[in-house]
């Protein structure tokens, strides 16, 4: 179970629409690493995989991107900036 988590990675396949959109998150609580994948937009089908280390988790992220269509975009920095702005308020 992840307690206080930090987003370590965030990717989107660049497609819009319920059937084409794919999202991937890499999160960690400093002990456990979790990869979440979602097919479709909000409310879409989700899967998650837990890993004991960052390397294993990142290999799963790579596999998920390779097996899904789209021009994958790394949104990690944008998400981090947004989070920093929310915490500064």
N, C-alpha and C. Protein backbone atom coordinates (compact mmCIF):
# COMPACT_ATOMS: atom_id res chain seq x y z
N UNK A 1 0.84 -1.18 0.00
CA UNK A 1 0.00 0.00 0.00
C UNK A 1 0.89 1.25 0.00
N UNK A 2 0.65 2.13 -0.94
CA UNK A 2 1.39 3.38 -1.02
C UNK A 2 0.74 4.40 -0.09
N UNK A 3 1.55 5.06 0.72
CA UNK A 3 1.02 6.05 1.65
C UNK A 3 1.11 7.44 1.04
N UNK A 4 2.16 8.15 1.26
CA UNK A 4 2.36 9.47 0.67
C UNK A 4 3.18 9.29 -0.60
N UNK A 5 2.56 9.55 -1.74
CA UNK A 5 3.22 9.25 -3.00
C UNK A 5 3.67 10.51 -3.72
N UNK A 6 4.71 10.32 -4.51
CA UNK A 6 5.23 11.38 -5.37
C UNK A 6 5.21 10.86 -6.80
N UNK A 7 4.72 11.70 -7.72
CA UNK A 7 4.72 11.32 -9.14
C UNK A 7 6.15 11.44 -9.63
N UNK A 8 6.71 10.34 -10.10
CA UNK A 8 8.08 10.32 -10.61
C UNK A 8 8.12 10.33 -12.13
N UNK A 9 6.99 10.03 -12.77
CA UNK A 9 6.90 10.03 -14.22
C UNK A 9 5.46 10.08 -14.66
N UNK A 10 5.21 10.73 -15.80
CA UNK A 10 3.85 10.84 -16.34
C UNK A 10 3.96 10.93 -17.85
N UNK A 11 3.23 10.05 -18.55
CA UNK A 11 3.28 10.00 -20.01
C UNK A 11 1.87 9.92 -20.58
N UNK A 12 1.72 10.43 -21.79
CA UNK A 12 0.45 10.41 -22.53
C UNK A 12 0.77 10.10 -23.98
N UNK A 13 -0.09 9.30 -24.60
CA UNK A 13 0.21 8.88 -25.98
C UNK A 13 -0.18 9.91 -27.03
N UNK A 14 -0.64 11.08 -26.63
CA UNK A 14 -0.93 12.15 -27.57
C UNK A 14 -2.25 12.01 -28.29
N UNK A 15 -3.04 11.01 -27.94
CA UNK A 15 -4.33 10.80 -28.61
C UNK A 15 -5.47 11.25 -27.71
N UNK A 16 -6.50 11.79 -28.34
CA UNK A 16 -7.71 12.18 -27.62
C UNK A 16 -8.78 11.15 -27.90
N UNK A 17 -9.75 11.08 -27.06
CA UNK A 17 -10.88 10.19 -27.29
C UNK A 17 -10.82 8.97 -26.40
N UNK A 18 -11.99 8.50 -26.08
CA UNK A 18 -12.14 7.39 -25.15
C UNK A 18 -11.43 6.12 -25.58
N UNK A 19 -11.42 5.83 -26.82
CA UNK A 19 -10.85 4.56 -27.29
C UNK A 19 -9.35 4.64 -27.58
N UNK A 20 -8.85 5.82 -27.88
CA UNK A 20 -7.45 5.94 -28.32
C UNK A 20 -6.50 6.43 -27.23
N UNK A 21 -7.01 7.15 -26.26
CA UNK A 21 -6.14 7.77 -25.25
C UNK A 21 -5.51 6.73 -24.32
N UNK A 22 -4.22 6.93 -24.02
CA UNK A 22 -3.49 6.10 -23.06
C UNK A 22 -2.70 7.04 -22.14
N UNK A 23 -2.69 6.72 -20.86
CA UNK A 23 -1.94 7.49 -19.87
C UNK A 23 -1.16 6.52 -18.99
N UNK A 24 0.04 6.93 -18.58
CA UNK A 24 0.87 6.12 -17.69
C UNK A 24 1.43 7.03 -16.60
N UNK A 25 1.39 6.57 -15.36
CA UNK A 25 1.98 7.26 -14.22
C UNK A 25 2.98 6.34 -13.55
N UNK A 26 4.07 6.91 -13.10
CA UNK A 26 5.04 6.20 -12.26
C UNK A 26 5.07 6.95 -10.93
N UNK A 27 4.69 6.28 -9.85
CA UNK A 27 4.65 6.91 -8.54
C UNK A 27 5.42 6.07 -7.54
N UNK A 28 5.87 6.73 -6.49
CA UNK A 28 6.59 6.02 -5.43
C UNK A 28 6.37 6.69 -4.09
N UNK A 29 6.37 5.88 -3.05
CA UNK A 29 6.31 6.41 -1.68
C UNK A 29 7.69 6.35 -1.03
N UNK A 30 8.72 6.10 -1.84
CA UNK A 30 10.08 5.99 -1.33
C UNK A 30 10.47 4.56 -1.00
N UNK A 31 9.51 3.68 -0.98
CA UNK A 31 9.75 2.27 -0.68
C UNK A 31 9.23 1.38 -1.81
N UNK A 32 8.00 1.63 -2.21
CA UNK A 32 7.34 0.85 -3.25
C UNK A 32 7.14 1.72 -4.49
N UNK A 33 7.30 1.11 -5.66
CA UNK A 33 7.08 1.80 -6.94
C UNK A 33 5.84 1.23 -7.59
N UNK A 34 4.98 2.09 -8.12
CA UNK A 34 3.75 1.65 -8.79
C UNK A 34 3.66 2.29 -10.17
N UNK A 35 3.32 1.46 -11.15
CA UNK A 35 3.05 1.92 -12.51
C UNK A 35 1.55 1.77 -12.73
N UNK A 36 0.91 2.88 -13.09
CA UNK A 36 -0.52 2.87 -13.40
C UNK A 36 -0.70 3.18 -14.86
N UNK A 37 -1.53 2.41 -15.52
CA UNK A 37 -1.85 2.67 -16.91
C UNK A 37 -3.35 2.81 -17.06
N UNK A 38 -3.77 3.73 -17.92
CA UNK A 38 -5.21 3.92 -18.14
C UNK A 38 -5.51 3.96 -19.62
N UNK A 39 -6.52 3.24 -20.01
CA UNK A 39 -7.05 3.22 -21.38
C UNK A 39 -8.31 4.06 -21.38
N UNK A 40 -8.33 5.11 -22.20
CA UNK A 40 -9.48 6.01 -22.22
C UNK A 40 -9.24 7.18 -21.29
N UNK A 41 -10.15 8.10 -21.28
CA UNK A 41 -10.02 9.30 -20.44
C UNK A 41 -10.42 9.00 -19.00
N UNK A 42 -10.87 10.04 -18.31
CA UNK A 42 -11.33 9.86 -16.93
C UNK A 42 -12.37 8.75 -16.88
N UNK A 43 -12.23 7.88 -15.91
CA UNK A 43 -13.17 6.77 -15.79
C UNK A 43 -12.84 5.60 -16.69
N UNK A 44 -11.72 5.68 -17.41
CA UNK A 44 -11.32 4.59 -18.29
C UNK A 44 -10.81 3.38 -17.51
N UNK A 45 -10.53 2.34 -18.21
CA UNK A 45 -10.03 1.11 -17.61
C UNK A 45 -8.59 1.30 -17.13
N UNK A 46 -8.31 0.94 -15.88
CA UNK A 46 -6.97 1.11 -15.32
C UNK A 46 -6.37 -0.22 -14.88
N UNK A 47 -5.04 -0.26 -14.97
CA UNK A 47 -4.27 -1.37 -14.43
C UNK A 47 -3.14 -0.77 -13.60
N UNK A 48 -2.66 -1.52 -12.61
CA UNK A 48 -1.50 -1.05 -11.86
C UNK A 48 -0.62 -2.24 -11.52
N UNK A 49 0.67 -1.95 -11.46
CA UNK A 49 1.69 -2.96 -11.16
C UNK A 49 2.62 -2.38 -10.12
N UNK A 50 2.92 -3.15 -9.08
CA UNK A 50 3.82 -2.70 -8.02
C UNK A 50 5.19 -3.37 -8.17
N UNK A 51 6.24 -2.60 -7.84
CA UNK A 51 7.61 -3.08 -7.99
C UNK A 51 8.44 -2.66 -6.77
N UNK A 52 9.46 -3.45 -6.45
CA UNK A 52 10.31 -3.11 -5.30
C UNK A 52 11.38 -2.07 -5.62
N UNK A 53 11.62 -1.79 -6.92
CA UNK A 53 12.68 -0.86 -7.28
C UNK A 53 12.31 -0.06 -8.53
N UNK A 54 12.98 1.07 -8.69
CA UNK A 54 12.70 1.97 -9.80
C UNK A 54 13.01 1.35 -11.15
N UNK A 55 14.11 0.63 -11.27
CA UNK A 55 14.49 0.04 -12.55
C UNK A 55 13.42 -0.88 -13.10
N UNK A 56 12.89 -1.76 -12.26
CA UNK A 56 11.82 -2.68 -12.69
C UNK A 56 10.58 -1.92 -13.11
N UNK A 57 10.24 -0.89 -12.35
CA UNK A 57 9.06 -0.09 -12.67
C UNK A 57 9.23 0.63 -14.01
N UNK A 58 10.41 1.20 -14.24
CA UNK A 58 10.63 1.91 -15.50
C UNK A 58 10.65 0.96 -16.70
N UNK A 59 11.10 -0.26 -16.50
CA UNK A 59 11.03 -1.25 -17.60
C UNK A 59 9.58 -1.55 -17.96
N UNK A 60 8.69 -1.59 -16.96
CA UNK A 60 7.27 -1.80 -17.24
C UNK A 60 6.70 -0.60 -17.99
N UNK A 61 7.08 0.61 -17.61
CA UNK A 61 6.63 1.81 -18.34
C UNK A 61 7.05 1.69 -19.81
N UNK A 62 8.30 1.32 -20.05
CA UNK A 62 8.79 1.17 -21.43
C UNK A 62 7.99 0.12 -22.19
N UNK A 63 7.71 -1.01 -21.55
CA UNK A 63 6.92 -2.07 -22.21
C UNK A 63 5.52 -1.57 -22.55
N UNK A 64 4.91 -0.86 -21.62
CA UNK A 64 3.55 -0.36 -21.86
C UNK A 64 3.52 0.62 -23.03
N UNK A 65 4.54 1.49 -23.13
CA UNK A 65 4.57 2.44 -24.25
C UNK A 65 4.84 1.73 -25.57
N UNK A 66 5.70 0.73 -25.56
CA UNK A 66 6.02 0.01 -26.80
C UNK A 66 4.84 -0.78 -27.33
N UNK A 67 3.94 -1.21 -26.45
CA UNK A 67 2.81 -2.03 -26.90
C UNK A 67 1.54 -1.22 -27.15
N UNK A 68 1.63 0.11 -27.02
CA UNK A 68 0.48 0.98 -27.25
C UNK A 68 0.81 1.98 -28.35
N UNK A 69 -0.15 2.21 -29.20
CA UNK A 69 0.04 3.15 -30.31
C UNK A 69 0.09 4.58 -29.81
N UNK A 70 0.70 5.43 -30.61
CA UNK A 70 0.70 6.85 -30.32
C UNK A 70 2.10 7.43 -30.29
N UNK A 71 2.14 8.75 -30.27
CA UNK A 71 3.40 9.48 -30.15
C UNK A 71 3.53 9.87 -28.68
N UNK A 72 4.14 9.02 -27.89
CA UNK A 72 4.22 9.21 -26.45
C UNK A 72 4.94 10.49 -26.09
N UNK A 73 4.36 11.21 -25.13
CA UNK A 73 4.90 12.49 -24.66
C UNK A 73 5.18 12.38 -23.16
N UNK A 74 6.34 12.84 -22.76
CA UNK A 74 6.71 12.85 -21.35
C UNK A 74 6.17 14.14 -20.73
N UNK A 75 5.22 14.01 -19.82
CA UNK A 75 4.59 15.15 -19.17
C UNK A 75 5.10 15.35 -17.74
N UNK A 76 6.15 14.65 -17.37
CA UNK A 76 6.64 14.65 -15.99
C UNK A 76 6.93 16.06 -15.48
N UNK A 77 7.68 16.85 -16.23
CA UNK A 77 8.05 18.19 -15.76
C UNK A 77 6.82 19.10 -15.65
N UNK A 78 5.90 18.99 -16.58
CA UNK A 78 4.68 19.81 -16.53
C UNK A 78 3.86 19.47 -15.28
N UNK A 79 3.75 18.20 -14.97
CA UNK A 79 3.02 17.77 -13.78
C UNK A 79 3.74 18.25 -12.52
N UNK A 80 5.05 18.16 -12.51
CA UNK A 80 5.84 18.60 -11.36
C UNK A 80 5.68 20.11 -11.12
N UNK A 81 5.73 20.90 -12.20
CA UNK A 81 5.55 22.35 -12.06
C UNK A 81 4.16 22.68 -11.53
N UNK A 82 3.15 22.00 -12.05
CA UNK A 82 1.77 22.23 -11.60
C UNK A 82 1.63 21.90 -10.11
N UNK A 83 2.23 20.80 -9.69
CA UNK A 83 2.19 20.41 -8.28
C UNK A 83 2.90 21.44 -7.41
N UNK A 84 4.05 21.92 -7.86
CA UNK A 84 4.80 22.92 -7.11
C UNK A 84 4.00 24.22 -6.95
N UNK A 85 3.29 24.59 -8.01
CA UNK A 85 2.48 25.81 -7.97
C UNK A 85 1.33 25.66 -6.98
N UNK A 86 0.70 24.47 -6.95
CA UNK A 86 -0.39 24.23 -6.01
C UNK A 86 0.08 24.28 -4.57
N UNK A 87 1.27 23.73 -4.31
CA UNK A 87 1.79 23.70 -2.96
C UNK A 87 2.29 25.07 -2.51
N UNK A 88 2.62 25.96 -3.44
CA UNK A 88 3.11 27.29 -3.10
C UNK A 88 1.99 28.22 -2.67
N UNK A 89 0.76 27.88 -3.00
CA UNK A 89 -0.40 28.75 -2.68
C UNK A 89 -0.80 28.61 -1.23
